[in-house]
Structures are given as C-alpha cells and as structure tokens.
Amino acid sequence: MYFGYNNKKGWMCMEYRLETLSRTSVLGVKKEYGTGQKAQEDIFNFWMDFDNKGKKQELMPLGNNQLQGLLAVYKPHANGEVHCLIGVTNDTDEAQWQRTELSEGRYIVFDAKGPVPESIKKGMEKINRHILPTLDYEFRDAPFFELYKEGPIRSEEYITEIWLPIV
C-alpha cells in the first residue's frame, strides 16, 4: 500500500504494509538512554561502535532468520528512558549477549528508501508529521524496531523497514 501526502515541496509517497508477528526474541548489544532525544542524538555513534567492535560479524551467524538482517529495537519506558538493542532474532541462550522481546501482534511497516542514516531520519519525520496523524490505527505499548537487511546501506535504492506496533 502507498500513503500519499502533499508537503510544501510537492506530492510525496511512502510505501507501507500490515504484518502480524509472533513473539520474537532478539539477541544483541543494548544501550540505555535517559530520554528519547538522547537516543536520537547518539544512535549513529552506537551503530558505529557496534560496527567497529565487530559485533555484526559475531551476531549474524547466531540469527535464526525469523526476521532476516539486523534489528534496532527501541523500547520506551514510562520514566522517559529509551533502551535500544542492536541484534538478530535468536531463540537460544547466549550469555555474552543481551536480549529483548518483540511483542506478538500487528505492526504497520514503512519502507524508508535511500542511504542510511538519512533515509531513516527523513522516513521517521514523514511518518510522524504527515502519515500517523491521518491513519486510523491505535498504537500498542510495545517496542518498535528498524530492520536492516543485507545490502548496500548507502545506496539510493536501499530499503530499511520501520515496524510500529498497532492494535
């Protein structure tokens, strides 16, 4: 499905779909932030540190491919904190890694097209400013996540999936 909207620069379009996900365990590296703003400001550095320490190469073989690729899972808390985990889907116990759970249920999934991280920033802005206010979906209190599949993340054609939990 496509959602079209008119911004000051002209007509824009963003592809989305609805998905149902069973309870999914994600294994990886977690970082806790005092606020959502701090998470937004530091997420690029978290990814760079994750990559520079070779964590991607260590984690990818552990993935069970329930969702193929790397996930960035964001879990907002009532006190304003946001916990972020970069990892892979995995059902086994691996002591050296941290774990979080993705809730079972429906998700609205948006495709953010273009080079990372710019496409994510632009995609989230479009979603929050233009799309969510007009769609008739209620959001669940559950983590949301980005899915990064294999491919050239700096390409104009690269697609990052943004999964938001809905009722």
Foldseek 3Di string as FASTA:
>chain_A
DKDWDADPVGIDIWDKDKDWDAKWKWKFAKDKDQAPVVCVVCVVVVVVVCVVVPRCVVAQVQAPPPPAAWKWKWAADPSRMIMTGIGHTHDDDDPVIDMDMFHTTMWMKIKQFAAPPVSVVVVVCCCVPPNVVPDDWAFDNGIWMKGAHDDDRHGRGGIIMTITHTD
